[in-house]
Amino acid sequence: MAHEIKIWQVDSFAKEAFKGNPAAVCVLREELSDALMQNIAIENNLSETAFILMRDGKAPLLRWFTPMFEIDLCGHATLAAAHIYLSELEQSADEVEFDTKFVGPLKVVKKAGSNTDNYVMNFPSRAGDEVGVEEIPAFVLDALSTKKPVEARQSRDLMLVYECEDDIRAIDPDFQTLAQYKDFIIVTAPSDDPQYDFVSRFFCADDGIAEDPVTGSADCTLAPYWAQRSGKKKMLAHQISKRGGVLDIEIIDGDRVLIGGDAVTVLEGIFKI
């Protein structure tokens, strides 16, 4: 008999279908091999597939796989996983704390009084180290734009700060060239729209996904930079990919970032393997 695994697809950081960033969520009642989880992620062919392993007497274990490899942290797939956990598995609960393999516990709270499925995630801050723009490989900068960034930071991701929003919108990457660079790349600038504090885009050519639509984990690096630059602890971020997404950001306790957004379920099914 085939082994059946429940699966959902969720559009994260979106109030309606076909916006934000899609992620698959699989709920496991027993452990699967890494190879099988990787094959499921390949079959889904989304930027991330989240796996929630339900465990008796323990917090659920959350892991994330791209079509290429397991990743240490993923914002939109965490939001998707929390949405499924709280709307499908534990409907009476309003928060969940996941165990993770790489970054410790991650707590997600459903926002009280929200008329949509809005959640707030508690993530680690990754401020990154200042890097001279001249230290960045020229092929990376040339593959992004004829404009050069004015600042750079290095955490898990390389963050490049540009002068204005038009610079970010004009970036038309040479993804074949960028695939030679192993780090994920964030590009960011102040927002032209006064309702947002900053804009960003996120490129992961080496990951098999050229541009990620909305990237919660990127705000672990974006948030401390823009908080320091603006003097604000609470901010509204706009990721200006084709699908687009809006993220509520707040710096707390110096080394944590609250990242909030909506989620909507668009698909439900069963994997038979």
C-alpha atoms as a PDB file:
ATOM      1  CA  MET A   1       0.000   0.000   0.000  1.00  0.00           C
ATOM      2  CA  ALA A   2       1.253   3.501  -0.801  1.00  0.00           C
ATOM      3  CA  HIS A   3       2.420   5.679   2.066  1.00  0.00           C
ATOM      4  CA  GLU A   4       0.154   8.741   2.246  1.00  0.00           C
ATOM      5  CA  ILE A   5       1.358  12.176   3.305  1.00  0.00           C
ATOM      6  CA  LYS A   6      -0.948  15.177   3.599  1.00  0.00           C
ATOM      7  CA  ILE A   7       0.246  18.202   1.658  1.00  0.00           C
ATOM      8  CA  TRP A   8      -0.954  21.779   1.302  1.00  0.00           C
ATOM      9  CA  GLN A   9       0.207  24.690  -0.807  1.00  0.00           C
ATOM     10  CA  VAL A  10       0.069  28.115   0.813  1.00  0.00           C
ATOM     11  CA  ASP A  11       0.662  31.582  -0.617  1.00  0.00           C
ATOM     12  CA  SER A  12       2.590  33.380   2.128  1.00  0.00           C
ATOM     13  CA  PHE A  13       2.720  37.145   2.677  1.00  0.00           C
ATOM     14  CA  ALA A  14      -0.482  37.428   0.665  1.00  0.00           C
ATOM     15  CA  LYS A  15      -4.164  38.078   1.338  1.00  0.00           C
ATOM     16  CA  GLU A  16      -5.299  36.336  -1.854  1.00  0.00           C
ATOM     17  CA  ALA A  17      -4.259  33.484  -4.111  1.00  0.00           C
ATOM     18  CA  PHE A  18      -1.525  33.952  -6.723  1.00  0.00           C
ATOM     19  CA  LYS A  19       0.226  36.654  -4.710  1.00  0.00           C
ATOM     20  CA  GLY A  20       3.091  36.477  -2.246  1.00  0.00           C
ATOM     21  CA  ASN A  21       5.353  33.417  -2.165  1.00  0.00           C
ATOM     22  CA  PRO A  22       4.035  29.853  -2.547  1.00  0.00           C
ATOM     23  CA  ALA A  23       5.324  27.072  -0.289  1.00  0.00           C
ATOM     24  CA  ALA A  24       4.340  23.450   0.125  1.00  0.00           C
ATOM     25  CA  VAL A  25       3.690  22.060   3.610  1.00  0.00           C
ATOM     26  CA  CYS A  26       3.843  18.328   4.360  1.00  0.00           C
ATOM     27  CA  VAL A  27       2.694  16.972   7.725  1.00  0.00           C
ATOM     28  CA  LEU A  28       4.554  13.859   8.851  1.00  0.00           C
ATOM     29  CA  ARG A  29       3.451  11.381  11.499  1.00  0.00           C
ATOM     30  CA  GLU A  30       6.758   9.531  11.279  1.00  0.00           C
ATOM     31  CA  GLU A  31      10.272  10.455  10.196  1.00  0.00           C
ATOM     32  CA  LEU A  32      11.214  10.312   6.538  1.00  0.00           C
ATOM     33  CA  SER A  33      14.716   9.983   5.161  1.00  0.00           C
ATOM     34  CA  ASP A  34      16.427  13.149   3.983  1.00  0.00           C
ATOM     35  CA  ALA A  35      16.577  11.653   0.494  1.00  0.00           C
ATOM     36  CA  LEU A  36      12.805  11.143   0.395  1.00  0.00           C
ATOM     37  CA  MET A  37      12.109  14.668   1.665  1.00  0.00           C
ATOM     38  CA  GLN A  38      14.470  15.992  -0.996  1.00  0.00           C
ATOM     39  CA  ASN A  39      12.618  14.036  -3.688  1.00  0.00           C
ATOM     40  CA  ILE A  40       9.286  15.423  -2.483  1.00  0.00           C
ATOM     41  CA  ALA A  41      10.705  18.955  -2.695  1.00  0.00           C
ATOM     42  CA  ILE A  42      11.932  18.239  -6.216  1.00  0.00           C
ATOM     43  CA  GLU A  43       8.492  16.911  -7.170  1.00  0.00           C
ATOM     44  CA  ASN A  44       6.795  20.021  -5.750  1.00  0.00           C
ATOM     45  CA  ASN A  45       9.217  22.261  -7.658  1.00  0.00           C
ATOM     46  CA  LEU A  46       8.524  25.250  -5.409  1.00  0.00           C
ATOM     47  CA  SER A  47      11.242  27.377  -3.869  1.00  0.00           C
ATOM     48  CA  GLU A  48      10.666  25.617  -0.527  1.00  0.00           C
ATOM     49  CA  THR A  49       8.791  22.661   0.874  1.00  0.00           C
ATOM     50  CA  ALA A  50       8.272  22.673   4.650  1.00  0.00           C
ATOM     51  CA  PHE A  51       8.029  19.418   6.589  1.00  0.00           C
ATOM     52  CA  ILE A  52       6.294  19.381   9.991  1.00  0.00           C
ATOM     53  CA  LEU A  53       7.140  16.254  11.972  1.00  0.00           C
ATOM     54  CA  MET A  54       4.546  15.712  14.713  1.00  0.00           C
ATOM     55  CA  ARG A  55       6.140  14.250  17.869  1.00  0.00           C
ATOM     56  CA  ASP A  56       4.465  12.947  21.030  1.00  0.00           C
ATOM     57  CA  GLY A  57       5.358  15.101  24.031  1.00  0.00           C
ATOM     58  CA  LYS A  58       7.663  17.336  21.997  1.00  0.00           C
ATOM     59  CA  ALA A  59       7.345  20.437  19.880  1.00  0.00           C
ATOM     60  CA  PRO A  60       6.812  19.726  16.188  1.00  0.00           C
ATOM     61  CA  LEU A  61      10.050  19.671  14.199  1.00  0.00           C
ATOM     62  CA  LEU A  62      10.166  21.980  11.179  1.00  0.00           C
ATOM     63  CA  ARG A  63      12.569  21.522   8.266  1.00  0.00           C
ATOM     64  CA  TRP A  64      12.775  23.205   4.859  1.00  0.00           C
ATOM     65  CA  PHE A  65      13.974  21.816   1.531  1.00  0.00           C
ATOM     66  CA  THR A  66      14.509  23.612  -1.766  1.00  0.00           C
ATOM     67  CA  PRO A  67      14.558  21.515  -4.965  1.00  0.00           C
ATOM     68  CA  MET A  68      18.352  21.455  -4.545  1.00  0.00           C
ATOM     69  CA  PHE A  69      19.099  21.025  -0.824  1.00  0.00           C
ATOM     70  CA  GLU A  70      17.971  21.526   2.773  1.00  0.00           C
ATOM     71  CA  ILE A  71      18.097  25.154   3.928  1.00  0.00           C
ATOM     72  CA  ASP A  72      18.832  26.478   7.424  1.00  0.00           C
ATOM     73  CA  LEU A  73      15.926  28.963   7.651  1.00  0.00           C
ATOM     74  CA  CYS A  74      12.994  29.994   5.475  1.00  0.00           C
ATOM     75  CA  GLY A  75      10.534  32.728   6.354  1.00  0.00           C
ATOM     76  CA  HIS A  76       7.683  32.206   3.924  1.00  0.00           C
ATOM     77  CA  ALA A  77       7.672  28.426   4.416  1.00  0.00           C
ATOM     78  CA  THR A  78       7.638  28.917   8.209  1.00  0.00           C
ATOM     79  CA  LEU A  79       4.637  31.207   7.799  1.00  0.00           C
ATOM     80  CA  ALA A  80       2.994  28.581   5.585  1.00  0.00           C
ATOM     81  CA  ALA A  81       3.733  25.820   8.109  1.00  0.00           C
ATOM     82  CA  ALA A  82       2.293  27.847  10.996  1.00  0.00           C
ATOM     83  CA  HIS A  83      -0.802  28.641   8.938  1.00  0.00           C
ATOM     84  CA  ILE A  84      -1.434  24.936   8.280  1.00  0.00           C
ATOM     85  CA  TYR A  85      -0.635  23.916  11.857  1.00  0.00           C
ATOM     86  CA  LEU A  86      -3.007  26.485  13.377  1.00  0.00           C
ATOM     87  CA  SER A  87      -5.788  26.245  10.781  1.00  0.00           C
ATOM     88  CA  GLU A  88      -5.760  22.488  10.105  1.00  0.00           C
ATOM     89  CA  LEU A  89      -4.026  20.610  12.943  1.00  0.00           C
ATOM     90  CA  GLU A  90      -4.574  22.616  16.141  1.00  0.00           C
ATOM     91  CA  GLN A  91      -7.484  24.921  15.391  1.00  0.00           C
ATOM     92  CA  SER A  92      -8.024  25.875  19.044  1.00  0.00           C
ATOM     93  CA  ALA A  93      -4.444  27.149  19.403  1.00  0.00           C
ATOM     94  CA  ASP A  94      -3.291  30.649  18.522  1.00  0.00           C
ATOM     95  CA  GLU A  95       0.463  30.006  18.548  1.00  0.00           C
ATOM     96  CA  VAL A  96       3.004  27.304  17.805  1.00  0.00           C
ATOM     97  CA  GLU A  97       6.671  26.901  18.654  1.00  0.00           C
ATOM     98  CA  PHE A  98       8.584  24.750  16.195  1.00  0.00           C
ATOM     99  CA  ASP A  99      11.863  23.021  16.881  1.00  0.00           C
ATOM    100  CA  THR A 100      14.345  23.367  14.027  1.00  0.00           C
ATOM    101  CA  LYS A 101      17.561  21.648  13.029  1.00  0.00           C
ATOM    102  CA  PHE A 102      19.738  24.740  12.641  1.00  0.00           C
ATOM    103  CA  VAL A 103      18.334  27.868  14.330  1.00  0.00           C
ATOM    104  CA  GLY A 104      16.664  26.684  17.534  1.00  0.00           C
ATOM    105  CA  PRO A 105      13.011  27.253  18.470  1.00  0.00           C
ATOM    106  CA  LEU A 106      10.840  29.439  16.223  1.00  0.00           C
ATOM    107  CA  LYS A 107       7.619  30.818  17.663  1.00  0.00           C
ATOM    108  CA  VAL A 108       4.722  31.927  15.474  1.00  0.00           C
ATOM    109  CA  VAL A 109       1.618  33.658  16.854  1.00  0.00           C
ATOM    110  CA  LYS A 110      -1.684  34.183  15.070  1.00  0.00           C
ATOM    111  CA  LYS A 111      -2.524  37.862  15.296  1.00  0.00           C
ATOM    112  CA  ALA A 112      -5.537  38.471  17.538  1.00  0.00           C
ATOM    113  CA  GLY A 113      -8.537  40.164  15.985  1.00  0.00           C
ATOM    114  CA  SER A 114      -7.295  39.699  12.445  1.00  0.00           C
ATOM    115  CA  ASN A 115     -10.022  39.148   9.850  1.00  0.00           C
ATOM    116  CA  THR A 116      -7.484  37.312   7.721  1.00  0.00           C
ATOM    117  CA  ASP A 117      -4.948  34.621   8.570  1.00  0.00           C
ATOM    118  CA  ASN A 118      -2.225  36.962   9.811  1.00  0.00           C
ATOM    119  CA  TYR A 119       0.757  35.659  11.752  1.00  0.00           C
ATOM    120  CA  VAL A 120       3.855  37.006  13.484  1.00  0.00           C
ATOM    121  CA  MET A 121       7.095  35.007  13.433  1.00  0.00           C
ATOM    122  CA  ASN A 122       9.926  35.441  15.947  1.00  0.00           C
ATOM    123  CA  PHE A 123      13.197  35.032  14.031  1.00  0.00           C
ATOM    124  CA  PRO A 124      16.890  35.552  14.828  1.00  0.00           C
ATOM    125  CA  SER A 125      18.483  38.814  13.739  1.00  0.00           C
ATOM    126  CA  ARG A 126      21.378  38.492  11.279  1.00  0.00           C
ATOM    127  CA  ALA A 127      22.789  41.979  11.061  1.00  0.00           C
ATOM    128  CA  GLY A 128      25.831  40.937   9.073  1.00  0.00           C
ATOM    129  CA  ASP A 129      29.251  42.517   8.762  1.00  0.00           C
ATOM    130  CA  GLU A 130      29.997  45.610   6.736  1.00  0.00           C
ATOM    131  CA  VAL A 131      31.756  44.761   3.494  1.00  0.00           C
ATOM    132  CA  GLY A 132      33.469  47.156   1.133  1.00  0.00           C
ATOM    133  CA  VAL A 133      31.696  47.276  -2.216  1.00  0.00           C
ATOM    134  CA  GLU A 134      35.109  46.927  -3.850  1.00  0.00           C
ATOM    135  CA  GLU A 135      35.515  43.539  -2.124  1.00  0.00           C
ATOM    136  CA  ILE A 136      32.512  42.045  -3.913  1.00  0.00           C
ATOM    137  CA  PRO A 137      33.420  40.091  -7.058  1.00  0.00           C
ATOM    138  CA  ALA A 138      32.987  42.322 -10.090  1.00  0.00           C
ATOM    139  CA  PHE A 139      31.106  39.624 -11.999  1.00  0.00           C
ATOM    140  CA  VAL A 140      28.385  39.660  -9.311  1.00  0.00           C
ATOM    141  CA  LEU A 141      27.837  43.412  -9.509  1.00  0.00           C
ATOM    142  CA  ASP A 142      28.000  43.425 -13.311  1.00  0.00           C
ATOM    143  CA  ALA A 143      25.477  40.565 -13.492  1.00  0.00           C
ATOM    144  CA  LEU A 144      23.002  42.642 -11.491  1.00  0.00           C
ATOM    145  CA  SER A 145      23.161  46.170 -12.844  1.00  0.00           C
ATOM    146  CA  THR A 146      25.237  48.906 -14.397  1.00  0.00           C
ATOM    147  CA  LYS A 147      24.556  50.841 -11.176  1.00  0.00           C
ATOM    148  CA  LYS A 148      26.800  50.053  -8.227  1.00  0.00           C
ATOM    149  CA  PRO A 149      25.541  49.649  -4.643  1.00  0.00           C
ATOM    150  CA  VAL A 150      26.460  52.258  -2.081  1.00  0.00           C
ATOM    151  CA  GLU A 151      26.838  49.799   0.826  1.00  0.00           C
ATOM    152  CA  ALA A 152      27.085  46.077   1.458  1.00  0.00           C
ATOM    153  CA  ARG A 153      26.586  43.677   4.362  1.00  0.00           C
ATOM    154  CA  GLN A 154      27.425  39.975   4.625  1.00  0.00           C
ATOM    155  CA  SER A 155      25.437  37.557   6.785  1.00  0.00           C
ATOM    156  CA  ARG A 156      24.141  34.248   5.437  1.00  0.00           C
ATOM    157  CA  ASP A 157      23.147  36.434   2.486  1.00  0.00           C
ATOM    158  CA  LEU A 158      25.001  39.193   0.678  1.00  0.00           C
ATOM    159  CA  MET A 159      22.961  42.392   1.074  1.00  0.00           C
ATOM    160  CA  LEU A 160      23.584  45.208  -1.407  1.00  0.00           C
ATOM    161  CA  VAL A 161      22.148  48.648  -0.645  1.00  0.00           C
ATOM    162  CA  TYR A 162      21.357  50.883  -3.610  1.00  0.00           C
ATOM    163  CA  GLU A 163      20.537  54.567  -3.762  1.00  0.00           C
ATOM    164  CA  CYS A 164      16.858  54.454  -4.724  1.00  0.00           C
ATOM    165  CA  GLU A 165      13.886  52.227  -5.522  1.00  0.00           C
ATOM    166  CA  ASP A 166      14.278  52.778  -9.264  1.00  0.00           C
ATOM    167  CA  ASP A 167      17.704  51.135  -9.041  1.00  0.00           C
ATOM    168  CA  ILE A 168      16.107  48.022  -7.527  1.00  0.00           C
ATOM    169  CA  ARG A 169      13.287  47.857 -10.067  1.00  0.00           C
ATOM    170  CA  ALA A 170      15.751  48.262 -12.945  1.00  0.00           C
ATOM    171  CA  ILE A 171      17.877  45.270 -11.938  1.00  0.00           C
ATOM    172  CA  ASP A 172      17.670  42.606 -14.652  1.00  0.00           C
ATOM    173  CA  PRO A 173      20.048  39.887 -13.504  1.00  0.00           C
ATOM    174  CA  ASP A 174      22.160  37.620 -15.653  1.00  0.00           C
ATOM    175  CA  PHE A 175      21.175  34.505 -13.714  1.00  0.00           C
ATOM    176  CA  GLN A 176      23.563  32.210 -15.561  1.00  0.00           C
ATOM    177  CA  THR A 177      26.447  34.324 -14.297  1.00  0.00           C
ATOM    178  CA  LEU A 178      24.958  34.744 -10.810  1.00  0.00           C
ATOM    179  CA  ALA A 179      24.674  30.957 -10.497  1.00  0.00           C
ATOM    180  CA  GLN A 180      28.473  30.921 -10.134  1.00  0.00           C
ATOM    181  CA  TYR A 181      28.089  32.826  -6.834  1.00  0.00           C
ATOM    182  CA  LYS A 182      27.157  30.621  -3.898  1.00  0.00           C
ATOM    183  CA  ASP A 183      25.555  33.149  -1.527  1.00  0.00           C
ATOM    184  CA  PHE A 184      21.975  34.383  -1.742  1.00  0.00           C
ATOM    185  CA  ILE A 185      21.770  38.050  -2.750  1.00  0.00           C
ATOM    186  CA  ILE A 186      19.488  40.738  -1.290  1.00  0.00           C
ATOM    187  CA  VAL A 187      19.184  44.089  -3.047  1.00  0.00           C
ATOM    188  CA  THR A 188      17.486  46.924  -1.194  1.00  0.00           C
ATOM    189  CA  ALA A 189      16.845  50.670  -1.182  1.00  0.00           C
ATOM    190  CA  PRO A 190      14.549  53.229   0.469  1.00  0.00           C
ATOM    191  CA  SER A 191      10.947  53.050  -0.721  1.00  0.00           C
ATOM    192  CA  ASP A 192       9.494  55.781  -2.913  1.00  0.00           C
ATOM    193  CA  ASP A 193       6.065  55.018  -1.438  1.00  0.00           C
ATOM    194  CA  PRO A 194       5.741  56.649   2.000  1.00  0.00           C
ATOM    195  CA  GLN A 195       3.688  53.742   3.369  1.00  0.00           C
ATOM    196  CA  TYR A 196       6.770  51.483   3.121  1.00  0.00           C
ATOM    197  CA  ASP A 197      10.148  51.965   4.771  1.00  0.00           C
ATOM    198  CA  PHE A 198      12.232  50.046   2.261  1.00  0.00           C
ATOM    199  CA  VAL A 199      11.996  47.803  -0.787  1.00  0.00           C
ATOM    200  CA  SER A 200      13.945  44.690  -1.639  1.00  0.00           C
ATOM    201  CA  ARG A 201      14.418  41.802  -4.038  1.00  0.00           C
ATOM    202  CA  PHE A 202      16.070  38.424  -3.424  1.00  0.00           C
ATOM    203  CA  PHE A 203      18.106  36.347  -5.869  1.00  0.00           C
ATOM    204  CA  CYS A 204      19.122  32.714  -5.413  1.00  0.00           C
ATOM    205  CA  ALA A 205      20.340  31.548  -8.817  1.00  0.00           C
ATOM    206  CA  ASP A 206      22.545  28.823  -7.321  1.00  0.00           C
ATOM    207  CA  ASP A 207      19.455  27.427  -5.564  1.00  0.00           C
ATOM    208  CA  GLY A 208      17.610  26.660  -8.791  1.00  0.00           C
ATOM    209  CA  ILE A 209      15.118  29.511  -8.125  1.00  0.00           C
ATOM    210  CA  ALA A 210      16.201  32.665  -9.907  1.00  0.00           C
ATOM    211  CA  GLU A 211      14.241  35.255  -7.908  1.00  0.00           C
ATOM    212  CA  ASP A 212      12.331  34.463  -4.732  1.00  0.00           C
ATOM    213  CA  PRO A 213       8.983  36.320  -4.678  1.00  0.00           C
ATOM    214  CA  VAL A 214       8.879  37.177  -0.937  1.00  0.00           C
ATOM    215  CA  THR A 215      11.648  36.204   1.479  1.00  0.00           C
ATOM    216  CA  GLY A 216      10.997  36.404   5.212  1.00  0.00           C
ATOM    217  CA  SER A 217      14.471  35.194   6.195  1.00  0.00           C
ATOM    218  CA  ALA A 218      16.049  38.050   4.216  1.00  0.00           C
ATOM    219  CA  ASP A 219      14.448  40.465   6.651  1.00  0.00           C
ATOM    220  CA  CYS A 220      16.606  38.992   9.415  1.00  0.00           C
ATOM    221  CA  THR A 221      19.382  40.980   7.713  1.00  0.00           C
ATOM    222  CA  LEU A 222      17.324  43.813   6.239  1.00  0.00           C
ATOM    223  CA  ALA A 223      15.567  44.690   9.509  1.00  0.00           C
ATOM    224  CA  PRO A 224      18.619  45.520  11.674  1.00  0.00           C
ATOM    225  CA  TYR A 225      20.176  47.557   8.864  1.00  0.00           C
ATOM    226  CA  TRP A 226      17.088  49.649   8.176  1.00  0.00           C
ATOM    227  CA  ALA A 227      16.283  50.001  11.879  1.00  0.00           C
ATOM    228  CA  GLN A 228      19.715  51.475  12.484  1.00  0.00           C
ATOM    229  CA  ARG A 229      19.499  53.711   9.423  1.00  0.00           C
ATOM    230  CA  SER A 230      15.963  54.972  10.104  1.00  0.00           C
ATOM    231  CA  GLY A 231      15.950  54.926  13.903  1.00  0.00           C
ATOM    232  CA  LYS A 232      12.687  52.954  13.806  1.00  0.00           C
ATOM    233  CA  LYS A 233      11.959  49.612  15.452  1.00  0.00           C
ATOM    234  CA  LYS A 234       8.712  48.985  13.564  1.00  0.00           C
ATOM    235  CA  MET A 235       8.789  49.070   9.775  1.00  0.00           C
ATOM    236  CA  LEU A 236       6.799  47.996   6.740  1.00  0.00           C
ATOM    237  CA  ALA A 237       8.774  46.237   4.026  1.00  0.00           C
ATOM    238  CA  HIS A 238       7.790  45.776   0.388  1.00  0.00           C
ATOM    239  CA  GLN A 239       9.411  43.044  -1.689  1.00  0.00           C
ATOM    240  CA  ILE A 240       8.949  44.189  -5.268  1.00  0.00           C
ATOM    241  CA  SER A 241       9.101  40.930  -7.199  1.00  0.00           C
ATOM    242  CA  LYS A 242       6.492  40.209  -9.880  1.00  0.00           C
ATOM    243  CA  ARG A 243       4.162  38.562  -7.329  1.00  0.00           C
ATOM    244  CA  GLY A 244       5.114  41.032  -4.603  1.00  0.00           C
ATOM    245  CA  GLY A 245       4.570  40.917  -0.872  1.00  0.00           C
ATOM    246  CA  VAL A 246       4.347  43.086   2.239  1.00  0.00           C
ATOM    247  CA  LEU A 247       5.989  42.260   5.576  1.00  0.00           C
ATOM    248  CA  ASP A 248       5.486  43.850   8.991  1.00  0.00           C
ATOM    249  CA  ILE A 249       8.881  44.104  10.698  1.00  0.00           C
ATOM    250  CA  GLU A 250       9.820  44.845  14.307  1.00  0.00           C
ATOM    251  CA  ILE A 251      13.177  44.649  16.094  1.00  0.00           C
ATOM    252  CA  ILE A 252      12.916  43.259  19.635  1.00  0.00           C
ATOM    253  CA  ASP A 253      15.437  42.368  22.349  1.00  0.00           C
ATOM    254  CA  GLY A 254      18.337  43.463  20.175  1.00  0.00           C
ATOM    255  CA  ASP A 255      18.863  40.079  18.532  1.00  0.00           C
ATOM    256  CA  ARG A 256      15.365  39.038  17.405  1.00  0.00           C
ATOM    257  CA  VAL A 257      13.121  40.170  14.565  1.00  0.00           C
ATOM    258  CA  LEU A 258       9.332  39.897  14.442  1.00  0.00           C
ATOM    259  CA  ILE A 259       8.170  39.287  10.876  1.00  0.00           C
ATOM    260  CA  GLY A 260       4.443  39.406  10.194  1.00  0.00           C
ATOM    261  CA  GLY A 261       2.257  38.628   7.225  1.00  0.00           C
ATOM    262  CA  ASP A 262      -0.846  36.958   5.851  1.00  0.00           C
ATOM    263  CA  ALA A 263      -1.246  33.485   4.394  1.00  0.00           C
ATOM    264  CA  VAL A 264      -3.861  31.766   2.243  1.00  0.00           C
ATOM    265  CA  THR A 265      -4.262  28.061   1.439  1.00  0.00           C
ATOM    266  CA  VAL A 266      -4.603  27.426  -2.299  1.00  0.00           C
ATOM    267  CA  LEU A 267      -4.249  23.645  -2.597  1.00  0.00           C
ATOM    268  CA  GLU A 268      -4.731  20.501  -0.500  1.00  0.00           C
ATOM    269  CA  GLY A 269      -3.890  16.939  -1.426  1.00  0.00           C
ATOM    270  CA  ILE A 270      -2.170  13.660  -0.624  1.00  0.00           C
ATOM    271  CA  PHE A 271       1.252  12.413  -1.646  1.00  0.00           C
ATOM    272  CA  LYS A 272       1.205   8.654  -2.342  1.00  0.00           C
ATOM    273  CA  ILE A 273       4.723   7.274  -2.213  1.00  0.00           C
END
